[in-house]
Amino acid sequence: QVQLVESGGGLVQAGGSLRLSCAASGRTFSSYTMAWFRQAPGKEREFVAAISSGGTSTYYADSVTGRFTISRDNAKNTVYLEMNSLKPDDTAVYYCAADWFGRIDTIDPHKWNYWGQGTQVTVSS
């Protein structure tokens, strides 16, 4: 089992950048595929990006490709989401998710087993 805590959200102007972090508890962090999802008001939770347990493979939603970068530091039990060229449409609560050796192209949030509490990202125009 793993507990996840996100941080780094905030208010930023369009075109700006933010870096989200997700700290995980437990000694087996390196065995989990990690992902970021987001949920805007009135919308379903949507996949943003995922990274393999060893950090060698990544997968992105089309809407963020080229702007967002997911990475991880297994020594620090932390996964990151670097967000650049932010747009008002990126406004949402961002959630960190984990799955034991899951597939990085699993975009259905119901198939991810562990979740953080979320961090708010607001992009003003």
N, C-alpha and C. Protein backbone atom coordinates (compact mmCIF):
# COMPACT_ATOMS: atom_id res chain seq x y z
N GLN A 1 0.84 -1.18 0.00
CA GLN A 1 0.00 0.00 0.00
C GLN A 1 0.88 1.24 0.00
N VAL A 2 0.37 2.32 -0.59
CA VAL A 2 1.13 3.55 -0.68
C VAL A 2 0.21 4.73 -0.41
N GLN A 3 0.70 5.70 0.33
CA GLN A 3 -0.02 6.96 0.56
C GLN A 3 0.63 8.05 -0.26
N LEU A 4 -0.19 8.91 -0.84
CA LEU A 4 0.28 9.94 -1.76
C LEU A 4 -0.15 11.32 -1.29
N VAL A 5 0.78 12.28 -1.35
CA VAL A 5 0.48 13.65 -0.96
C VAL A 5 1.01 14.60 -2.02
N GLU A 6 0.10 15.34 -2.66
CA GLU A 6 0.49 16.30 -3.70
C GLU A 6 0.78 17.67 -3.10
N SER A 7 1.59 18.43 -3.81
CA SER A 7 1.88 19.81 -3.44
C SER A 7 2.32 20.56 -4.69
N GLY A 8 2.36 21.89 -4.57
CA GLY A 8 2.88 22.70 -5.66
C GLY A 8 1.84 23.43 -6.49
N GLY A 9 0.57 23.20 -6.20
CA GLY A 9 -0.46 23.90 -6.95
C GLY A 9 -0.50 25.37 -6.58
N GLY A 10 -1.28 26.13 -7.34
CA GLY A 10 -1.42 27.56 -7.07
C GLY A 10 -2.06 28.29 -8.21
N LEU A 11 -1.96 29.61 -8.14
CA LEU A 11 -2.52 30.50 -9.16
C LEU A 11 -1.39 31.01 -10.04
N VAL A 12 -1.58 30.90 -11.36
CA VAL A 12 -0.55 31.35 -12.29
C VAL A 12 -1.23 31.96 -13.51
N GLN A 13 -0.56 32.91 -14.14
CA GLN A 13 -1.11 33.52 -15.34
C GLN A 13 -0.90 32.60 -16.55
N ALA A 14 -1.75 32.77 -17.54
CA ALA A 14 -1.60 32.00 -18.77
C ALA A 14 -0.20 32.22 -19.35
N GLY A 15 0.39 31.12 -19.80
CA GLY A 15 1.75 31.16 -20.32
C GLY A 15 2.81 30.86 -19.28
N GLY A 16 2.39 30.82 -18.02
CA GLY A 16 3.32 30.57 -16.93
C GLY A 16 3.58 29.09 -16.71
N SER A 17 4.31 28.82 -15.64
CA SER A 17 4.73 27.45 -15.32
C SER A 17 4.49 27.13 -13.85
N LEU A 18 4.30 25.84 -13.60
CA LEU A 18 4.19 25.32 -12.24
C LEU A 18 4.82 23.94 -12.21
N ARG A 19 5.30 23.55 -11.05
CA ARG A 19 5.82 22.20 -10.86
C ARG A 19 5.09 21.55 -9.70
N LEU A 20 4.39 20.48 -9.99
CA LEU A 20 3.70 19.73 -8.97
C LEU A 20 4.59 18.59 -8.48
N SER A 21 4.44 18.28 -7.20
CA SER A 21 5.15 17.14 -6.61
C SER A 21 4.15 16.21 -5.95
N CYS A 22 4.51 14.96 -5.91
CA CYS A 22 3.69 13.95 -5.23
C CYS A 22 4.64 13.06 -4.44
N ALA A 23 4.55 13.18 -3.13
CA ALA A 23 5.40 12.39 -2.23
C ALA A 23 4.66 11.12 -1.81
N ALA A 24 5.36 10.00 -1.91
CA ALA A 24 4.76 8.72 -1.59
C ALA A 24 5.41 8.10 -0.36
N SER A 25 4.59 7.45 0.43
CA SER A 25 5.12 6.71 1.57
C SER A 25 5.40 5.27 1.15
N GLY A 26 6.10 4.53 2.00
CA GLY A 26 6.33 3.12 1.71
C GLY A 26 7.68 2.85 1.08
N ARG A 27 8.12 1.61 1.19
CA ARG A 27 9.45 1.24 0.73
C ARG A 27 9.46 0.68 -0.68
N THR A 28 8.28 0.55 -1.28
CA THR A 28 8.21 -0.09 -2.59
C THR A 28 7.78 0.88 -3.69
N PHE A 29 8.07 2.14 -3.50
CA PHE A 29 7.66 3.17 -4.47
C PHE A 29 8.14 2.82 -5.87
N SER A 30 9.33 2.28 -5.99
CA SER A 30 9.91 1.98 -7.29
C SER A 30 9.18 0.85 -8.03
N SER A 31 8.22 0.21 -7.38
CA SER A 31 7.43 -0.84 -8.01
C SER A 31 6.10 -0.33 -8.58
N TYR A 32 5.83 0.95 -8.37
CA TYR A 32 4.55 1.52 -8.79
C TYR A 32 4.69 2.35 -10.05
N THR A 33 3.80 2.12 -10.98
CA THR A 33 3.61 3.06 -12.07
C THR A 33 2.86 4.26 -11.48
N MET A 34 3.27 5.46 -11.87
CA MET A 34 2.69 6.67 -11.31
C MET A 34 2.04 7.51 -12.42
N ALA A 35 1.03 8.25 -12.03
CA ALA A 35 0.32 9.07 -13.02
C ALA A 35 -0.21 10.34 -12.39
N TRP A 36 -0.52 11.29 -13.25
CA TRP A 36 -1.25 12.49 -12.87
C TRP A 36 -2.57 12.52 -13.64
N PHE A 37 -3.62 12.86 -12.92
CA PHE A 37 -4.94 13.09 -13.49
C PHE A 37 -5.37 14.49 -13.06
N ARG A 38 -6.41 14.99 -13.70
CA ARG A 38 -6.97 16.28 -13.28
C ARG A 38 -8.48 16.26 -13.44
N GLN A 39 -9.11 17.10 -12.64
CA GLN A 39 -10.57 17.20 -12.69
C GLN A 39 -10.99 18.64 -12.55
N ALA A 40 -11.63 19.15 -13.58
CA ALA A 40 -12.17 20.51 -13.57
C ALA A 40 -13.62 20.46 -13.05
N PRO A 41 -14.12 21.58 -12.54
CA PRO A 41 -15.49 21.60 -12.01
C PRO A 41 -16.51 21.15 -13.06
N GLY A 42 -17.36 20.22 -12.67
CA GLY A 42 -18.40 19.74 -13.57
C GLY A 42 -17.94 18.77 -14.63
N LYS A 43 -16.66 18.39 -14.58
CA LYS A 43 -16.14 17.46 -15.59
C LYS A 43 -15.63 16.19 -14.93
N GLU A 44 -15.46 15.15 -15.74
CA GLU A 44 -14.93 13.90 -15.24
C GLU A 44 -13.40 14.01 -15.06
N ARG A 45 -12.90 13.15 -14.20
CA ARG A 45 -11.45 13.11 -14.00
C ARG A 45 -10.79 12.60 -15.27
N GLU A 46 -9.74 13.28 -15.73
CA GLU A 46 -9.09 12.90 -16.96
C GLU A 46 -7.60 12.67 -16.77
N PHE A 47 -7.11 11.75 -17.57
CA PHE A 47 -5.69 11.38 -17.56
C PHE A 47 -4.84 12.53 -18.08
N VAL A 48 -3.67 12.73 -17.45
CA VAL A 48 -2.74 13.76 -17.90
C VAL A 48 -1.44 13.13 -18.38
N ALA A 49 -0.81 12.33 -17.52
CA ALA A 49 0.49 11.74 -17.86
C ALA A 49 0.78 10.58 -16.92
N ALA A 50 1.63 9.67 -17.37
CA ALA A 50 2.05 8.54 -16.55
C ALA A 50 3.51 8.22 -16.81
N ILE A 51 4.13 7.57 -15.83
CA ILE A 51 5.54 7.20 -15.93
C ILE A 51 5.72 5.80 -15.36
N SER A 52 6.56 5.02 -16.00
CA SER A 52 6.78 3.64 -15.57
C SER A 52 7.52 3.60 -14.24
N SER A 53 7.53 2.43 -13.63
CA SER A 53 8.12 2.29 -12.31
C SER A 53 9.59 2.69 -12.27
N GLY A 54 10.32 2.38 -13.33
CA GLY A 54 11.74 2.73 -13.38
C GLY A 54 12.01 4.09 -13.96
N GLY A 55 10.97 4.73 -14.46
CA GLY A 55 11.12 6.08 -15.00
C GLY A 55 11.58 6.15 -16.44
N THR A 56 11.66 5.01 -17.11
CA THR A 56 12.20 5.01 -18.47
C THR A 56 11.16 5.26 -19.54
N SER A 57 9.89 5.09 -19.21
CA SER A 57 8.82 5.27 -20.19
C SER A 57 7.78 6.25 -19.65
N THR A 58 7.28 7.08 -20.55
CA THR A 58 6.24 8.05 -20.19
C THR A 58 5.13 8.04 -21.24
N TYR A 59 3.99 8.55 -20.85
CA TYR A 59 2.83 8.61 -21.75
C TYR A 59 2.03 9.84 -21.37
N TYR A 60 1.56 10.58 -22.40
CA TYR A 60 0.88 11.85 -22.17
C TYR A 60 -0.45 11.92 -22.90
N ALA A 61 -1.36 12.66 -22.32
CA ALA A 61 -2.57 13.02 -23.03
C ALA A 61 -2.20 14.00 -24.15
N ASP A 62 -2.93 13.94 -25.24
CA ASP A 62 -2.64 14.82 -26.37
C ASP A 62 -2.69 16.29 -25.97
N SER A 63 -3.59 16.61 -25.05
CA SER A 63 -3.80 18.01 -24.67
C SER A 63 -2.61 18.63 -23.94
N VAL A 64 -1.70 17.81 -23.43
CA VAL A 64 -0.56 18.35 -22.67
C VAL A 64 0.79 18.00 -23.30
N THR A 65 0.77 17.19 -24.33
CA THR A 65 2.02 16.79 -24.97
C THR A 65 2.79 18.01 -25.46
N GLY A 66 4.06 18.05 -25.12
CA GLY A 66 4.91 19.17 -25.51
C GLY A 66 4.92 20.31 -24.51
N ARG A 67 3.98 20.29 -23.56
CA ARG A 67 3.92 21.35 -22.55
C ARG A 67 4.22 20.83 -21.15
N PHE A 68 3.78 19.60 -20.86
CA PHE A 68 3.97 19.01 -19.54
C PHE A 68 5.02 17.90 -19.61
N THR A 69 5.75 17.73 -18.49
CA THR A 69 6.73 16.66 -18.38
C THR A 69 6.58 15.96 -17.05
N ILE A 70 6.42 14.65 -17.09
CA ILE A 70 6.36 13.85 -15.87
C ILE A 70 7.73 13.23 -15.62
N SER A 71 8.13 13.20 -14.36
CA SER A 71 9.39 12.58 -13.99
C SER A 71 9.27 12.02 -12.58
N ARG A 72 10.25 11.25 -12.18
CA ARG A 72 10.22 10.68 -10.83
C ARG A 72 11.65 10.54 -10.31
N ASP A 73 11.73 10.56 -8.97
CA ASP A 73 12.99 10.32 -8.28
C ASP A 73 12.70 9.21 -7.27
N ASN A 74 13.08 7.98 -7.60
CA ASN A 74 12.75 6.86 -6.74
C ASN A 74 13.51 6.90 -5.42
N ALA A 75 14.64 7.57 -5.39
CA ALA A 75 15.39 7.70 -4.15
C ALA A 75 14.66 8.62 -3.17
N LYS A 76 13.84 9.52 -3.71
CA LYS A 76 13.08 10.46 -2.88
C LYS A 76 11.60 10.09 -2.78
N ASN A 77 11.22 8.98 -3.39
CA ASN A 77 9.80 8.56 -3.38
C ASN A 77 8.88 9.67 -3.87
N THR A 78 9.27 10.32 -4.93
CA THR A 78 8.53 11.48 -5.42
C THR A 78 8.37 11.45 -6.94
N VAL A 79 7.18 11.84 -7.38
CA VAL A 79 6.93 12.01 -8.81
C VAL A 79 6.56 13.49 -9.03
N TYR A 80 6.96 14.00 -10.19
CA TYR A 80 6.78 15.42 -10.49
C TYR A 80 5.97 15.60 -11.77
N LEU A 81 5.36 16.76 -11.87
CA LEU A 81 4.73 17.17 -13.12
C LEU A 81 5.14 18.62 -13.38
N GLU A 82 6.01 18.79 -14.35
CA GLU A 82 6.43 20.12 -14.77
C GLU A 82 5.46 20.60 -15.83
N MET A 83 4.81 21.75 -15.56
CA MET A 83 3.78 22.26 -16.46
C MET A 83 4.21 23.62 -17.00
N ASN A 84 4.36 23.72 -18.30
CA ASN A 84 4.76 24.95 -18.97
C ASN A 84 3.68 25.41 -19.94
N SER A 85 3.78 26.67 -20.34
CA SER A 85 2.82 27.24 -21.29
C SER A 85 1.39 26.96 -20.86
N LEU A 86 1.12 27.22 -19.61
CA LEU A 86 -0.19 26.89 -19.05
C LEU A 86 -1.29 27.73 -19.70
N LYS A 87 -2.45 27.09 -19.82
CA LYS A 87 -3.63 27.72 -20.41
C LYS A 87 -4.77 27.72 -19.39
N PRO A 88 -5.73 28.62 -19.55
CA PRO A 88 -6.88 28.59 -18.63
C PRO A 88 -7.58 27.23 -18.60
N ASP A 89 -7.58 26.51 -19.72
CA ASP A 89 -8.20 25.18 -19.77
C ASP A 89 -7.47 24.16 -18.90
N ASP A 90 -6.27 24.47 -18.44
CA ASP A 90 -5.55 23.57 -17.56
C ASP A 90 -6.01 23.70 -16.11
N THR A 91 -6.87 24.66 -15.83
CA THR A 91 -7.39 24.85 -14.48
C THR A 91 -8.15 23.62 -14.02
N ALA A 92 -7.73 23.08 -12.88
CA ALA A 92 -8.34 21.85 -12.36
C ALA A 92 -7.68 21.49 -11.03
N VAL A 93 -8.27 20.52 -10.36
CA VAL A 93 -7.58 19.86 -9.25
C VAL A 93 -6.76 18.73 -9.85
N TYR A 94 -5.49 18.71 -9.53
CA TYR A 94 -4.58 17.72 -10.07
C TYR A 94 -4.33 16.64 -9.00
N TYR A 95 -4.48 15.39 -9.43
CA TYR A 95 -4.33 14.25 -8.54
C TYR A 95 -3.18 13.35 -8.98
N CYS A 96 -2.48 12.85 -8.01
CA CYS A 96 -1.45 11.85 -8.21
C CYS A 96 -2.08 10.47 -8.01
N ALA A 97 -1.70 9.50 -8.83
CA ALA A 97 -2.24 8.15 -8.72
C ALA A 97 -1.12 7.13 -8.86
N ALA A 98 -1.35 5.95 -8.29
CA ALA A 98 -0.34 4.88 -8.33
C ALA A 98 -1.01 3.53 -8.60
N ASP A 99 -0.27 2.68 -9.29
CA ASP A 99 -0.73 1.33 -9.56
C ASP A 99 0.47 0.41 -9.59
N TRP A 100 0.34 -0.74 -8.96
CA TRP A 100 1.45 -1.70 -8.85
C TRP A 100 1.78 -2.24 -10.24
N PHE A 101 2.93 -1.81 -10.76
CA PHE A 101 3.41 -2.26 -12.08
C PHE A 101 2.33 -2.13 -13.16
N GLY A 102 1.57 -1.06 -13.10
CA GLY A 102 0.51 -0.85 -14.09
C GLY A 102 1.04 -0.42 -15.43
N ARG A 103 0.16 -0.37 -16.40
CA ARG A 103 0.51 0.10 -17.74
C ARG A 103 0.46 1.63 -17.77
N ILE A 104 1.42 2.23 -18.45
CA ILE A 104 1.46 3.70 -18.47
C ILE A 104 0.35 4.28 -19.35
N ASP A 105 -0.26 3.46 -20.23
CA ASP A 105 -1.31 3.96 -21.10
C ASP A 105 -2.70 3.66 -20.55
N THR A 106 -2.78 3.42 -19.24
CA THR A 106 -4.08 3.20 -18.60
C THR A 106 -4.69 4.55 -18.28
N ILE A 107 -5.62 5.00 -19.13
CA ILE A 107 -6.17 6.35 -18.96
C ILE A 107 -7.47 6.35 -18.15
N ASP A 108 -8.04 5.17 -17.88
CA ASP A 108 -9.26 5.08 -17.09
C ASP A 108 -8.91 5.25 -15.62
N PRO A 109 -9.40 6.31 -14.98
CA PRO A 109 -9.03 6.54 -13.57
C PRO A 109 -9.51 5.41 -12.65
N HIS A 110 -10.54 4.69 -13.01
CA HIS A 110 -11.05 3.63 -12.15
C HIS A 110 -10.09 2.45 -12.03
N LYS A 111 -9.10 2.39 -12.90
CA LYS A 111 -8.15 1.29 -12.88
C LYS A 111 -6.90 1.61 -12.07
N TRP A 112 -6.86 2.80 -11.49
CA TRP A 112 -5.72 3.17 -10.64
C TRP A 112 -6.13 2.98 -9.18
N ASN A 113 -5.26 2.37 -8.40
CA ASN A 113 -5.66 1.91 -7.08
C ASN A 113 -5.48 2.93 -5.96
N TYR A 114 -4.49 3.79 -6.08
CA TYR A 114 -4.15 4.70 -4.98
C TYR A 114 -4.16 6.14 -5.48
N TRP A 115 -4.68 7.03 -4.62
CA TRP A 115 -4.86 8.43 -4.99
C TRP A 115 -4.42 9.36 -3.87
N GLY A 116 -3.91 10.52 -4.27
CA GLY A 116 -3.68 11.58 -3.32
C GLY A 116 -4.93 12.42 -3.15
N GLN A 117 -4.82 13.48 -2.34
CA GLN A 117 -5.99 14.31 -2.03
C GLN A 117 -6.20 15.41 -3.06
N GLY A 118 -5.20 15.65 -3.90
CA GLY A 118 -5.33 16.65 -4.95
C GLY A 118 -4.74 17.99 -4.58
N THR A 119 -4.34 18.73 -5.59
CA THR A 119 -3.84 20.10 -5.41
C THR A 119 -4.43 20.97 -6.51
N GLN A 120 -4.90 22.17 -6.12
CA GLN A 120 -5.60 23.04 -7.07
C GLN A 120 -4.61 23.81 -7.93
N VAL A 121 -4.84 23.81 -9.23
CA VAL A 121 -4.10 24.64 -10.18
C VAL A 121 -5.10 25.55 -10.87
N THR A 122 -4.85 26.86 -10.78
CA THR A 122 -5.73 27.83 -11.42
C THR A 122 -4.89 28.70 -12.35
N VAL A 123 -5.30 28.74 -13.62
CA VAL A 123 -4.60 29.53 -14.62
C VAL A 123 -5.50 30.67 -15.05
N SER A 124 -5.05 31.88 -14.81
CA SER A 124 -5.85 33.05 -15.16
C SER A 124 -5.50 33.55 -16.56
N SER A 125 -6.49 34.10 -17.24
CA SER A 125 -6.26 34.59 -18.61
C SER A 125 -5.81 36.04 -18.63
